Structure formats: C-alpha cells, structure tokens
Amino acid sequence: MKIWTNFLVLIVVGLLTSCAHMYPHPMDMTQAIQNAKTAADHEALARHYEGVAKDLQSKAQEYKKMLEKYEINAPYYGRRAQDLQEHTGALIRLYEQAAKANMDMADSHRKMAVEIK
C-alpha cells in the first residue's frame, strides 16, 4: 500500500511540475511584439507562436495517452483513479486552450504581415 501511495505522489508531483511552464517563451514577447514593424517581423512572430502551439499540442497528446492508461488501469489506482483521470483531463484541456491561443496569435501576426506588404 505504501509503495502505491509513494508512486501516486510521484506521479502527481511530476504532473504539477510538467505544467509549470505552459507558455514557454524564450524571449521577451512584449518587446518583440512592440518592435515588430515589418512583414518579416510579424512572420517571425507567427512562426514562433506556431512552434509553441505545436509543442503544446504534443504535450496534450502525451497527456491523452496517460489518461488512456489511467482509464485502462483504473482498478490499480483504487479510489484515486478518478482524481488522476480528472486532473489529467484538466491538463489536456489547458494545453489545448494554450495551443489554440498561440495559433490565434500566429494568425493575427500573419494578417498583420499581409496588411503591411
């Protein structure tokens, strides 16, 4: 019993730390957006946001696989199975929402690039 408890704690800690950086921007985006004056600048920002969205979508896919395993192996997790499933489902929704927000930003910058040309 203690092994399963330790295992579950490890999983929950892993889940919480993995979602700590849901919007990974290696550069100061505010400054980059304010300095974007040319079509090329806006295209670069669009590519950046698309890359972030792609990363977020892959994270969501990883959690979907994890959720599937939780559902298949629910009897092994006992009373905590539903909590794990709900938490993982919430993470999937958050990653998908973040991916959509980044794609929306990419679309906006693509439109700006076209307007400038």
PDB file of N, CA and C in Angstrom:
ATOM      1  N   MET A   1       0.820  -1.187   0.000  1.00  0.00           N
ATOM      2  CA  MET A   1       0.000   0.000   0.000  1.00  0.00           C
ATOM      3  C   MET A   1       0.868   1.256   0.000  1.00  0.00           C
ATOM      4  N   LYS A   2       1.933   1.233   0.796  1.00  0.00           N
ATOM      5  CA  LYS A   2       2.798   2.405   0.881  1.00  0.00           C
ATOM      6  C   LYS A   2       3.516   2.659  -0.455  1.00  0.00           C
ATOM      7  N   ILE A   3       3.843   1.596  -1.165  1.00  0.00           N
ATOM      8  CA  ILE A   3       4.503   1.739  -2.469  1.00  0.00           C
ATOM      9  C   ILE A   3       3.587   2.469  -3.441  1.00  0.00           C
ATOM     10  N   TRP A   4       2.289   2.076  -3.457  1.00  0.00           N
ATOM     11  CA  TRP A   4       1.338   2.728  -4.360  1.00  0.00           C
ATOM     12  C   TRP A   4       1.146   4.193  -3.993  1.00  0.00           C
ATOM     13  N   THR A   5       1.110   4.486  -2.704  1.00  0.00           N
ATOM     14  CA  THR A   5       0.962   5.868  -2.266  1.00  0.00           C
ATOM     15  C   THR A   5       2.162   6.705  -2.728  1.00  0.00           C
ATOM     16  N   ASN A   6       3.358   6.166  -2.537  1.00  0.00           N
ATOM     17  CA  ASN A   6       4.555   6.877  -2.993  1.00  0.00           C
ATOM     18  C   ASN A   6       4.555   7.053  -4.509  1.00  0.00           C
ATOM     19  N   PHE A   7       4.108   6.025  -5.216  1.00  0.00           N
ATOM     20  CA  PHE A   7       4.029   6.077  -6.676  1.00  0.00           C
ATOM     21  C   PHE A   7       3.054   7.168  -7.121  1.00  0.00           C
ATOM     22  N   LEU A   8       1.894   7.232  -6.488  1.00  0.00           N
ATOM     23  CA  LEU A   8       0.898   8.249  -6.828  1.00  0.00           C
ATOM     24  C   LEU A   8       1.401   9.652  -6.525  1.00  0.00           C
ATOM     25  N   VAL A   9       2.071   9.813  -5.407  1.00  0.00           N
ATOM     26  CA  VAL A   9       2.638  11.127  -5.062  1.00  0.00           C
ATOM     27  C   VAL A   9       3.660  11.539  -6.116  1.00  0.00           C
ATOM     28  N   LEU A  10       4.469  10.602  -6.544  1.00  0.00           N
ATOM     29  CA  LEU A  10       5.470  10.881  -7.571  1.00  0.00           C
ATOM     30  C   LEU A  10       4.804  11.303  -8.879  1.00  0.00           C
ATOM     31  N   ILE A  11       3.737  10.634  -9.253  1.00  0.00           N
ATOM     32  CA  ILE A  11       3.020  10.974 -10.483  1.00  0.00           C
ATOM     33  C   ILE A  11       2.421  12.370 -10.376  1.00  0.00           C
ATOM     34  N   VAL A  12       1.770  12.674  -9.273  1.00  0.00           N
ATOM     35  CA  VAL A  12       1.138  13.983  -9.106  1.00  0.00           C
ATOM     36  C   VAL A  12       2.188  15.089  -9.122  1.00  0.00           C
ATOM     37  N   VAL A  13       3.292  14.890  -8.447  1.00  0.00           N
ATOM     38  CA  VAL A  13       4.367  15.887  -8.458  1.00  0.00           C
ATOM     39  C   VAL A  13       4.908  16.065  -9.872  1.00  0.00           C
ATOM     40  N   GLY A  14       5.056  14.971 -10.580  1.00  0.00           N
ATOM     41  CA  GLY A  14       5.514  15.050 -11.971  1.00  0.00           C
ATOM     42  C   GLY A  14       4.549  15.821 -12.840  1.00  0.00           C
ATOM     43  N   LEU A  15       3.259  15.588 -12.665  1.00  0.00           N
ATOM     44  CA  LEU A  15       2.250  16.318 -13.432  1.00  0.00           C
ATOM     45  C   LEU A  15       2.276  17.809 -13.119  1.00  0.00           C
ATOM     46  N   LEU A  16       2.389  18.128 -11.856  1.00  0.00           N
ATOM     47  CA  LEU A  16       2.387  19.535 -11.474  1.00  0.00           C
ATOM     48  C   LEU A  16       3.620  20.274 -11.982  1.00  0.00           C
ATOM     49  N   THR A  17       4.765  19.636 -11.930  1.00  0.00           N
ATOM     50  CA  THR A  17       5.971  20.301 -12.406  1.00  0.00           C
ATOM     51  C   THR A  17       6.014  20.390 -13.916  1.00  0.00           C
ATOM     52  N   SER A  18       5.383  19.438 -14.589  1.00  0.00           N
ATOM     53  CA  SER A  18       5.415  19.471 -16.050  1.00  0.00           C
ATOM     54  C   SER A  18       4.541  20.580 -16.618  1.00  0.00           C
ATOM     55  N   CYS A  19       3.559  21.045 -15.875  1.00  0.00           N
ATOM     56  CA  CYS A  19       2.704  22.113 -16.391  1.00  0.00           C
ATOM     57  C   CYS A  19       3.108  23.477 -15.845  1.00  0.00           C
ATOM     58  N   ALA A  20       4.236  23.567 -15.193  1.00  0.00           N
ATOM     59  CA  ALA A  20       4.669  24.836 -14.628  1.00  0.00           C
ATOM     60  C   ALA A  20       4.993  25.863 -15.698  1.00  0.00           C
ATOM     61  N   HIS A  21       5.449  25.439 -16.862  1.00  0.00           N
ATOM     62  CA  HIS A  21       5.811  26.354 -17.937  1.00  0.00           C
ATOM     63  C   HIS A  21       4.929  26.105 -19.149  1.00  0.00           C
ATOM     64  N   MET A  22       3.669  26.499 -19.050  1.00  0.00           N
ATOM     65  CA  MET A  22       2.752  26.229 -20.151  1.00  0.00           C
ATOM     66  C   MET A  22       2.929  27.208 -21.304  1.00  0.00           C
ATOM     67  N   TYR A  23       3.537  28.338 -21.055  1.00  0.00           N
ATOM     68  CA  TYR A  23       3.755  29.325 -22.104  1.00  0.00           C
ATOM     69  C   TYR A  23       5.249  29.607 -22.215  1.00  0.00           C
ATOM     70  N   PRO A  24       5.997  28.659 -22.761  1.00  0.00           N
ATOM     71  CA  PRO A  24       7.447  28.831 -22.796  1.00  0.00           C
ATOM     72  C   PRO A  24       7.881  29.807 -23.895  1.00  0.00           C
ATOM     73  N   HIS A  25       8.211  31.001 -23.522  1.00  0.00           N
ATOM     74  CA  HIS A  25       8.696  31.987 -24.478  1.00  0.00           C
ATOM     75  C   HIS A  25      10.141  32.318 -24.122  1.00  0.00           C
ATOM     76  N   PRO A  26      11.086  31.887 -24.953  1.00  0.00           N
ATOM     77  CA  PRO A  26      12.487  32.091 -24.639  1.00  0.00           C
ATOM     78  C   PRO A  26      12.919  33.552 -24.750  1.00  0.00           C
ATOM     79  N   MET A  27      12.075  34.391 -25.341  1.00  0.00           N
ATOM     80  CA  MET A  27      12.436  35.794 -25.463  1.00  0.00           C
ATOM     81  C   MET A  27      11.331  36.640 -24.856  1.00  0.00           C
ATOM     82  N   ASP A  28      11.614  37.912 -24.661  1.00  0.00           N
ATOM     83  CA  ASP A  28      10.633  38.838 -24.129  1.00  0.00           C
ATOM     84  C   ASP A  28       9.631  39.137 -25.237  1.00  0.00           C
ATOM     85  N   MET A  29       8.476  38.520 -25.186  1.00  0.00           N
ATOM     86  CA  MET A  29       7.496  38.646 -26.265  1.00  0.00           C
ATOM     87  C   MET A  29       6.923  40.057 -26.342  1.00  0.00           C
ATOM     88  N   THR A  30       6.757  40.711 -25.210  1.00  0.00           N
ATOM     89  CA  THR A  30       6.215  42.069 -25.232  1.00  0.00           C
ATOM     90  C   THR A  30       7.122  42.969 -26.052  1.00  0.00           C
ATOM     91  N   GLN A  31       8.399  42.883 -25.815  1.00  0.00           N
ATOM     92  CA  GLN A  31       9.363  43.702 -26.551  1.00  0.00           C
ATOM     93  C   GLN A  31       9.382  43.320 -28.031  1.00  0.00           C
ATOM     94  N   ALA A  32       9.341  42.033 -28.320  1.00  0.00           N
ATOM     95  CA  ALA A  32       9.363  41.576 -29.710  1.00  0.00           C
ATOM     96  C   ALA A  32       8.123  42.051 -30.460  1.00  0.00           C
ATOM     97  N   ILE A  33       6.972  42.022 -29.803  1.00  0.00           N
ATOM     98  CA  ILE A  33       5.732  42.471 -30.446  1.00  0.00           C
ATOM     99  C   ILE A  33       5.765  43.977 -30.680  1.00  0.00           C
ATOM    100  N   GLN A  34       6.250  44.723 -29.695  1.00  0.00           N
ATOM    101  CA  GLN A  34       6.316  46.173 -29.842  1.00  0.00           C
ATOM    102  C   GLN A  34       7.296  46.594 -30.931  1.00  0.00           C
ATOM    103  N   ASN A  35       8.348  45.813 -31.122  1.00  0.00           N
ATOM    104  CA  ASN A  35       9.364  46.156 -32.122  1.00  0.00           C
ATOM    105  C   ASN A  35       9.032  45.637 -33.514  1.00  0.00           C
ATOM    106  N   ALA A  36       7.969  44.849 -33.656  1.00  0.00           N
ATOM    107  CA  ALA A  36       7.608  44.293 -34.956  1.00  0.00           C
ATOM    108  C   ALA A  36       7.031  45.400 -35.841  1.00  0.00           C
ATOM    109  N   LYS A  37       7.783  45.750 -36.868  1.00  0.00           N
ATOM    110  CA  LYS A  37       7.363  46.836 -37.758  1.00  0.00           C
ATOM    111  C   LYS A  37       7.214  46.366 -39.208  1.00  0.00           C
ATOM    112  N   THR A  38       7.938  45.327 -39.580  1.00  0.00           N
ATOM    113  CA  THR A  38       7.920  44.858 -40.962  1.00  0.00           C
ATOM    114  C   THR A  38       7.129  43.560 -41.072  1.00  0.00           C
ATOM    115  N   ALA A  39       6.814  43.207 -42.299  1.00  0.00           N
ATOM    116  CA  ALA A  39       6.119  41.944 -42.541  1.00  0.00           C
ATOM    117  C   ALA A  39       6.971  40.766 -42.076  1.00  0.00           C
ATOM    118  N   ALA A  40       8.273  40.869 -42.275  1.00  0.00           N
ATOM    119  CA  ALA A  40       9.177  39.787 -41.849  1.00  0.00           C
ATOM    120  C   ALA A  40       9.157  39.618 -40.331  1.00  0.00           C
ATOM    121  N   ASP A  41       9.072  40.734 -39.605  1.00  0.00           N
ATOM    122  CA  ASP A  41       8.992  40.660 -38.140  1.00  0.00           C
ATOM    123  C   ASP A  41       7.731  39.909 -37.717  1.00  0.00           C
ATOM    124  N   HIS A  42       6.603  40.254 -38.349  1.00  0.00           N
ATOM    125  CA  HIS A  42       5.349  39.599 -37.996  1.00  0.00           C
ATOM    126  C   HIS A  42       5.344  38.135 -38.425  1.00  0.00           C
ATOM    127  N   GLU A  43       5.980  37.814 -39.532  1.00  0.00           N
ATOM    128  CA  GLU A  43       6.093  36.416 -39.954  1.00  0.00           C
ATOM    129  C   GLU A  43       6.926  35.618 -38.945  1.00  0.00           C
ATOM    130  N   ALA A  44       7.995  36.224 -38.446  1.00  0.00           N
ATOM    131  CA  ALA A  44       8.832  35.551 -37.448  1.00  0.00           C
ATOM    132  C   ALA A  44       8.043  35.296 -36.169  1.00  0.00           C
ATOM    133  N   LEU A  45       7.255  36.289 -35.750  1.00  0.00           N
ATOM    134  CA  LEU A  45       6.426  36.097 -34.564  1.00  0.00           C
ATOM    135  C   LEU A  45       5.388  34.998 -34.803  1.00  0.00           C
ATOM    136  N   ALA A  46       4.801  34.974 -35.990  1.00  0.00           N
ATOM    137  CA  ALA A  46       3.816  33.938 -36.312  1.00  0.00           C
ATOM    138  C   ALA A  46       4.454  32.550 -36.252  1.00  0.00           C
ATOM    139  N   ARG A  47       5.653  32.424 -36.801  1.00  0.00           N
ATOM    140  CA  ARG A  47       6.352  31.125 -36.745  1.00  0.00           C
ATOM    141  C   ARG A  47       6.652  30.728 -35.303  1.00  0.00           C
ATOM    142  N   HIS A  48       7.036  31.701 -34.499  1.00  0.00           N
ATOM    143  CA  HIS A  48       7.319  31.424 -33.087  1.00  0.00           C
ATOM    144  C   HIS A  48       6.060  30.888 -32.389  1.00  0.00           C
ATOM    145  N   TYR A  49       4.943  31.595 -32.568  1.00  0.00           N
ATOM    146  CA  TYR A  49       3.702  31.168 -31.921  1.00  0.00           C
ATOM    147  C   TYR A  49       3.240  29.807 -32.435  1.00  0.00           C
ATOM    148  N   GLU A  50       3.435  29.535 -33.720  1.00  0.00           N
ATOM    149  CA  GLU A  50       3.075  28.223 -34.257  1.00  0.00           C
ATOM    150  C   GLU A  50       3.938  27.119 -33.649  1.00  0.00           C
ATOM    151  N   GLY A  51       5.210  27.405 -33.453  1.00  0.00           N
ATOM    152  CA  GLY A  51       6.097  26.426 -32.824  1.00  0.00           C
ATOM    153  C   GLY A  51       5.688  26.120 -31.399  1.00  0.00           C
ATOM    154  N   VAL A  52       5.335  27.172 -30.658  1.00  0.00           N
ATOM    155  CA  VAL A  52       4.881  26.974 -29.279  1.00  0.00           C
ATOM    156  C   VAL A  52       3.584  26.178 -29.276  1.00  0.00           C
ATOM    157  N   ALA A  53       2.679  26.505 -30.192  1.00  0.00           N
ATOM    158  CA  ALA A  53       1.405  25.775 -30.273  1.00  0.00           C
ATOM    159  C   ALA A  53       1.646  24.298 -30.576  1.00  0.00           C
ATOM    160  N   LYS A  54       2.576  24.025 -31.468  1.00  0.00           N
ATOM    161  CA  LYS A  54       2.887  22.633 -31.808  1.00  0.00           C
ATOM    162  C   LYS A  54       3.422  21.890 -30.575  1.00  0.00           C
ATOM    163  N   ASP A  55       4.297  22.542 -29.814  1.00  0.00           N
ATOM    164  CA  ASP A  55       4.813  21.921 -28.591  1.00  0.00           C
ATOM    165  C   ASP A  55       3.690  21.648 -27.592  1.00  0.00           C
ATOM    166  N   LEU A  56       2.780  22.609 -27.444  1.00  0.00           N
ATOM    167  CA  LEU A  56       1.672  22.439 -26.519  1.00  0.00           C
ATOM    168  C   LEU A  56       0.731  21.318 -26.972  1.00  0.00           C
ATOM    169  N   GLN A  57       0.515  21.205 -28.270  1.00  0.00           N
ATOM    170  CA  GLN A  57      -0.326  20.128 -28.781  1.00  0.00           C
ATOM    171  C   GLN A  57       0.320  18.766 -28.539  1.00  0.00           C
ATOM    172  N   SER A  58       1.637  18.695 -28.661  1.00  0.00           N
ATOM    173  CA  SER A  58       2.300  17.412 -28.399  1.00  0.00           C
ATOM    174  C   SER A  58       2.209  17.059 -26.919  1.00  0.00           C
ATOM    175  N   LYS A  59       2.276  18.066 -26.046  1.00  0.00           N
ATOM    176  CA  LYS A  59       2.092  17.812 -24.612  1.00  0.00           C
ATOM    177  C   LYS A  59       0.685  17.284 -24.353  1.00  0.00           C
ATOM    178  N   ALA A  60      -0.306  17.884 -25.005  1.00  0.00           N
ATOM    179  CA  ALA A  60      -1.688  17.420 -24.835  1.00  0.00           C
ATOM    180  C   ALA A  60      -1.816  15.968 -25.287  1.00  0.00           C
ATOM    181  N   GLN A  61      -1.144  15.610 -26.374  1.00  0.00           N
ATOM    182  CA  GLN A  61      -1.181  14.228 -26.855  1.00  0.00           C
ATOM    183  C   GLN A  61      -0.552  13.274 -25.842  1.00  0.00           C
ATOM    184  N   GLU A  62       0.545  13.704 -25.224  1.00  0.00           N
ATOM    185  CA  GLU A  62       1.175  12.871 -24.198  1.00  0.00           C
ATOM    186  C   GLU A  62       0.212  12.615 -23.046  1.00  0.00           C
ATOM    187  N   TYR A  63      -0.492  13.672 -22.635  1.00  0.00           N
ATOM    188  CA  TYR A  63      -1.436  13.516 -21.531  1.00  0.00           C
ATOM    189  C   TYR A  63      -2.647  12.687 -21.945  1.00  0.00           C
ATOM    190  N   LYS A  64      -3.039  12.732 -23.201  1.00  0.00           N
ATOM    191  CA  LYS A  64      -4.129  11.877 -23.664  1.00  0.00           C
ATOM    192  C   LYS A  64      -3.737  10.409 -23.549  1.00  0.00           C
ATOM    193  N   LYS A  65      -2.491  10.101 -23.883  1.00  0.00           N
ATOM    194  CA  LYS A  65      -2.007   8.726 -23.739  1.00  0.00           C
ATOM    195  C   LYS A  65      -1.993   8.321 -22.266  1.00  0.00           C
ATOM    196  N   MET A  66      -1.564   9.261 -21.411  1.00  0.00           N
ATOM    197  CA  MET A  66      -1.528   8.986 -19.979  1.00  0.00           C
ATOM    198  C   MET A  66      -2.943   8.748 -19.452  1.00  0.00           C
ATOM    199  N   LEU A  67      -3.892   9.557 -19.912  1.00  0.00           N
ATOM    200  CA  LEU A  67      -5.279   9.398 -19.482  1.00  0.00           C
ATOM    201  C   LEU A  67      -5.822   8.034 -19.897  1.00  0.00           C
ATOM    202  N   GLU A  68      -5.477   7.625 -21.091  1.00  0.00           N
ATOM    203  CA  GLU A  68      -5.917   6.315 -21.570  1.00  0.00           C
ATOM    204  C   GLU A  68      -5.378   5.201 -20.661  1.00  0.00           C
ATOM    205  N   LYS A  69      -4.130   5.330 -20.253  1.00  0.00           N
ATOM    206  CA  LYS A  69      -3.548   4.327 -19.346  1.00  0.00           C
ATOM    207  C   LYS A  69      -4.239   4.353 -17.992  1.00  0.00           C
ATOM    208  N   TYR A  70      -4.555   5.562 -17.498  1.00  0.00           N
ATOM    209  CA  TYR A  70      -5.271   5.653 -16.218  1.00  0.00           C
ATOM    210  C   TYR A  70      -6.632   4.990 -16.315  1.00  0.00           C
ATOM    211  N   GLU A  71      -7.306   5.166 -17.455  1.00  0.00           N
ATOM    212  CA  GLU A  71      -8.629   4.574 -17.613  1.00  0.00           C
ATOM    213  C   GLU A  71      -8.550   3.052 -17.707  1.00  0.00           C
ATOM    214  N   ILE A  72      -7.560   2.558 -18.430  1.00  0.00           N
ATOM    215  CA  ILE A  72      -7.401   1.108 -18.577  1.00  0.00           C
ATOM    216  C   ILE A  72      -7.008   0.469 -17.249  1.00  0.00           C
ATOM    217  N   ASN A  73      -6.126   1.123 -16.510  1.00  0.00           N
ATOM    218  CA  ASN A  73      -5.590   0.560 -15.273  1.00  0.00           C
ATOM    219  C   ASN A  73      -6.250   1.136 -14.028  1.00  0.00           C
ATOM    220  N   ALA A  74      -7.455   1.647 -14.140  1.00  0.00           N
ATOM    221  CA  ALA A  74      -8.142   2.272 -13.011  1.00  0.00           C
ATOM    222  C   ALA A  74      -8.210   1.392 -11.764  1.00  0.00           C
ATOM    223  N   PRO A  75      -8.447   0.095 -11.900  1.00  0.00           N
ATOM    224  CA  PRO A  75      -8.522  -0.726 -10.692  1.00  0.00           C
ATOM    225  C   PRO A  75      -7.232  -0.725  -9.865  1.00  0.00           C
ATOM    226  N   TYR A  76      -6.110  -0.505 -10.504  1.00  0.00           N
ATOM    227  CA  TYR A  76      -4.840  -0.499  -9.772  1.00  0.00           C
ATOM    228  C   TYR A  76      -4.644   0.771  -8.951  1.00  0.00           C
ATOM    229  N   TYR A  77      -5.358   1.830  -9.296  1.00  0.00           N
ATOM    230  CA  TYR A  77      -5.190   3.100  -8.600  1.00  0.00           C
ATOM    231  C   TYR A  77      -6.200   3.300  -7.483  1.00  0.00           C
ATOM    232  N   GLY A  78      -7.142   2.405  -7.388  1.00  0.00           N
ATOM    233  CA  GLY A  78      -8.121   2.468  -6.297  1.00  0.00           C
ATOM    234  C   GLY A  78      -8.967   3.723  -6.352  1.00  0.00           C
ATOM    235  N   ARG A  79      -9.169   4.313  -5.169  1.00  0.00           N
ATOM    236  CA  ARG A  79     -10.017   5.497  -5.073  1.00  0.00           C
ATOM    237  C   ARG A  79      -9.428   6.710  -5.773  1.00  0.00           C
ATOM    238  N   ARG A  80      -8.160   6.718  -5.994  1.00  0.00           N
ATOM    239  CA  ARG A  80      -7.501   7.871  -6.620  1.00  0.00           C
ATOM    240  C   ARG A  80      -7.586   7.863  -8.144  1.00  0.00           C
ATOM    241  N   ALA A  81      -8.103   6.813  -8.705  1.00  0.00           N
ATOM    242  CA  ALA A  81      -8.171   6.704 -10.166  1.00  0.00           C
ATOM    243  C   ALA A  81      -8.968   7.846 -10.772  1.00  0.00           C
ATOM    244  N   GLN A  82     -10.101   8.148 -10.191  1.00  0.00           N
ATOM    245  CA  GLN A  82     -10.935   9.217 -10.743  1.00  0.00           C
ATOM    246  C   GLN A  82     -10.247  10.571 -10.605  1.00  0.00           C
ATOM    247  N   ASP A  83      -9.576  10.804  -9.490  1.00  0.00           N
ATOM    248  CA  ASP A  83      -8.844  12.066  -9.311  1.00  0.00           C
ATOM    249  C   ASP A  83      -7.748  12.212 -10.370  1.00  0.00           C
ATOM    250  N   LEU A  84      -7.018  11.135 -10.604  1.00  0.00           N
ATOM    251  CA  LEU A  84      -5.955  11.174 -11.604  1.00  0.00           C
ATOM    252  C   LEU A  84      -6.522  11.423 -13.000  1.00  0.00           C
ATOM    253  N   GLN A  85      -7.636  10.783 -13.300  1.00  0.00           N
ATOM    254  CA  GLN A  85      -8.263  10.962 -14.602  1.00  0.00           C
ATOM    255  C   GLN A  85      -8.763  12.397 -14.778  1.00  0.00           C
ATOM    256  N   GLU A  86      -9.393  12.944 -13.755  1.00  0.00           N
ATOM    257  CA  GLU A  86      -9.904  14.310 -13.834  1.00  0.00           C
ATOM    258  C   GLU A  86      -8.762  15.315 -13.951  1.00  0.00           C
ATOM    259  N   HIS A  87      -7.712  15.121 -13.188  1.00  0.00           N
ATOM    260  CA  HIS A  87      -6.563  16.026 -13.231  1.00  0.00           C
ATOM    261  C   HIS A  87      -5.906  15.986 -14.611  1.00  0.00           C
ATOM    262  N   THR A  88      -5.733  14.798 -15.130  1.00  0.00           N
ATOM    263  CA  THR A  88      -5.115  14.654 -16.446  1.00  0.00           C
ATOM    264  C   THR A  88      -6.009  15.258 -17.529  1.00  0.00           C
ATOM    265  N   GLY A  89      -7.304  15.064 -17.429  1.00  0.00           N
ATOM    266  CA  GLY A  89      -8.235  15.672 -18.373  1.00  0.00           C
ATOM    267  C   GLY A  89      -8.177  17.191 -18.325  1.00  0.00           C
ATOM    268  N   ALA A  90      -8.044  17.744 -17.117  1.00  0.00           N
ATOM    269  CA  ALA A  90      -7.930  19.194 -16.976  1.00  0.00           C
ATOM    270  C   ALA A  90      -6.641  19.701 -17.631  1.00  0.00           C
ATOM    271  N   LEU A  91      -5.559  18.962 -17.461  1.00  0.00           N
ATOM    272  CA  LEU A  91      -4.300  19.352 -18.098  1.00  0.00           C
ATOM    273  C   LEU A  91      -4.421  19.314 -19.622  1.00  0.00           C
ATOM    274  N   ILE A  92      -5.103  18.315 -20.130  1.00  0.00           N
ATOM    275  CA  ILE A  92      -5.305  18.216 -21.575  1.00  0.00           C
ATOM    276  C   ILE A  92      -6.053  19.448 -22.071  1.00  0.00           C
ATOM    277  N   ARG A  93      -7.127  19.809 -21.372  1.00  0.00           N
ATOM    278  CA  ARG A  93      -7.897  20.990 -21.782  1.00  0.00           C
ATOM    279  C   ARG A  93      -7.054  22.259 -21.725  1.00  0.00           C
ATOM    280  N   LEU A  94      -6.247  22.405 -20.692  1.00  0.00           N
ATOM    281  CA  LEU A  94      -5.396  23.596 -20.564  1.00  0.00           C
ATOM    282  C   LEU A  94      -4.372  23.682 -21.690  1.00  0.00           C
ATOM    283  N   TYR A  95      -3.731  22.566 -21.988  1.00  0.00           N
ATOM    284  CA  TYR A  95      -2.749  22.563 -23.071  1.00  0.00           C
ATOM    285  C   TYR A  95      -3.415  22.845 -24.415  1.00  0.00           C
ATOM    286  N   GLU A  96      -4.602  22.294 -24.629  1.00  0.00           N
ATOM    287  CA  GLU A  96      -5.299  22.550 -25.886  1.00  0.00           C
ATOM    288  C   GLU A  96      -5.729  24.011 -25.996  1.00  0.00           C
ATOM    289  N   GLN A  97      -6.182  24.601 -24.888  1.00  0.00           N
ATOM    290  CA  GLN A  97      -6.556  26.015 -24.899  1.00  0.00           C
ATOM    291  C   GLN A  97      -5.343  26.897 -25.164  1.00  0.00           C
ATOM    292  N   ALA A  98      -4.223  26.561 -24.540  1.00  0.00           N
ATOM    293  CA  ALA A  98      -2.998  27.336 -24.749  1.00  0.00           C
ATOM    294  C   ALA A  98      -2.523  27.211 -26.193  1.00  0.00           C
ATOM    295  N   ALA A  99      -2.635  26.018 -26.765  1.00  0.00           N
ATOM    296  CA  ALA A  99      -2.245  25.821 -28.168  1.00  0.00           C
ATOM    297  C   ALA A  99      -3.130  26.656 -29.083  1.00  0.00           C
ATOM    298  N   LYS A 100      -4.426  26.679 -28.801  1.00  0.00           N
ATOM    299  CA  LYS A 100      -5.351  27.475 -29.619  1.00  0.00           C
ATOM    300  C   LYS A 100      -5.027  28.963 -29.489  1.00  0.00           C
ATOM    301  N   ALA A 101      -4.736  29.422 -28.289  1.00  0.00           N
ATOM    302  CA  ALA A 101      -4.394  30.834 -28.091  1.00  0.00           C
ATOM    303  C   ALA A 101      -3.132  31.197 -28.875  1.00  0.00           C
ATOM    304  N   ASN A 102      -2.156  30.319 -28.885  1.00  0.00           N
ATOM    305  CA  ASN A 102      -0.931  30.580 -29.640  1.00  0.00           C
ATOM    306  C   ASN A 102      -1.191  30.564 -31.139  1.00  0.00           C
ATOM    307  N   MET A 103      -2.050  29.670 -31.612  1.00  0.00           N
ATOM    308  CA  MET A 103      -2.393  29.652 -33.037  1.00  0.00           C
ATOM    309  C   MET A 103      -3.160  30.906 -33.428  1.00  0.00           C
ATOM    310  N   ASP A 104      -4.008  31.384 -32.528  1.00  0.00           N
ATOM    311  CA  ASP A 104      -4.724  32.636 -32.792  1.00  0.00           C
ATOM    312  C   ASP A 104      -3.744  33.802 -32.908  1.00  0.00           C
ATOM    313  N   MET A 105      -2.745  33.818 -32.037  1.00  0.00           N
ATOM    314  CA  MET A 105      -1.720  34.870 -32.117  1.00  0.00           C
ATOM    315  C   MET A 105      -0.942  34.761 -33.424  1.00  0.00           C
ATOM    316  N   ALA A 106      -0.625  33.557 -33.828  1.00  0.00           N
ATOM    317  CA  ALA A 106       0.090  33.349 -35.092  1.00  0.00           C
ATOM    318  C   ALA A 106      -0.753  33.864 -36.260  1.00  0.00           C
ATOM    319  N   ASP A 107      -2.049  33.552 -36.247  1.00  0.00           N
ATOM    320  CA  ASP A 107      -2.934  34.032 -37.312  1.00  0.00           C
ATOM    321  C   ASP A 107      -2.994  35.554 -37.338  1.00  0.00           C
ATOM    322  N   SER A 108      -3.050  36.163 -36.160  1.00  0.00           N
ATOM    323  CA  SER A 108      -3.082  37.631 -36.086  1.00  0.00           C
ATOM    324  C   SER A 108      -1.830  38.240 -36.699  1.00  0.00           C
ATOM    325  N   HIS A 109      -0.689  37.666 -36.375  1.00  0.00           N
ATOM    326  CA  HIS A 109       0.564  38.213 -36.912  1.00  0.00           C
ATOM    327  C   HIS A 109       0.687  37.950 -38.409  1.00  0.00           C
ATOM    328  N   ARG A 110       0.156  36.850 -38.879  1.00  0.00           N
ATOM    329  CA  ARG A 110       0.148  36.603 -40.326  1.00  0.00           C
ATOM    330  C   ARG A 110      -0.715  37.657 -41.030  1.00  0.00           C
ATOM    331  N   LYS A 111      -1.858  37.988 -40.465  1.00  0.00           N
ATOM    332  CA  LYS A 111      -2.731  39.010 -41.052  1.00  0.00           C
ATOM    333  C   LYS A 111      -2.030  40.370 -41.050  1.00  0.00           C
ATOM    334  N   MET A 112      -1.328  40.675 -39.972  1.00  0.00           N
ATOM    335  CA  MET A 112      -0.595  41.944 -39.907  1.00  0.00           C
ATOM    336  C   MET A 112       0.491  41.991 -40.968  1.00  0.00           C
ATOM    337  N   ALA A 113       1.153  40.861 -41.162  1.00  0.00           N
ATOM    338  CA  ALA A 113       2.222  40.801 -42.177  1.00  0.00           C
ATOM    339  C   ALA A 113       1.652  41.054 -43.571  1.00  0.00           C
ATOM    340  N   VAL A 114       0.477  40.501 -43.838  1.00  0.00           N
ATOM    341  CA  VAL A 114      -0.159  40.705 -45.150  1.00  0.00           C
ATOM    342  C   VAL A 114      -0.572  42.164 -45.324  1.00  0.00           C
ATOM    343  N   GLU A 115      -1.088  42.770 -44.264  1.00  0.00           N
ATOM    344  CA  GLU A 115      -1.511  44.171 -44.335  1.00  0.00           C
ATOM    345  C   GLU A 115      -0.344  45.108 -44.599  1.00  0.00           C
ATOM    346  N   ILE A 116       0.824  44.781 -44.064  1.00  0.00           N
ATOM    347  CA  ILE A 116       1.997  45.636 -44.217  1.00  0.00           C
ATOM    348  C   ILE A 116       2.540  45.558 -45.630  1.00  0.00           C
ATOM    349  N   LYS A 117       2.454  44.357 -46.249  1.00  0.00           N
ATOM    350  CA  LYS A 117       3.044  44.157 -47.574  1.00  0.00           C
ATOM    351  C   LYS A 117       2.443  45.043 -48.614  1.00  0.00           C
TER     352      LYS A 117
END
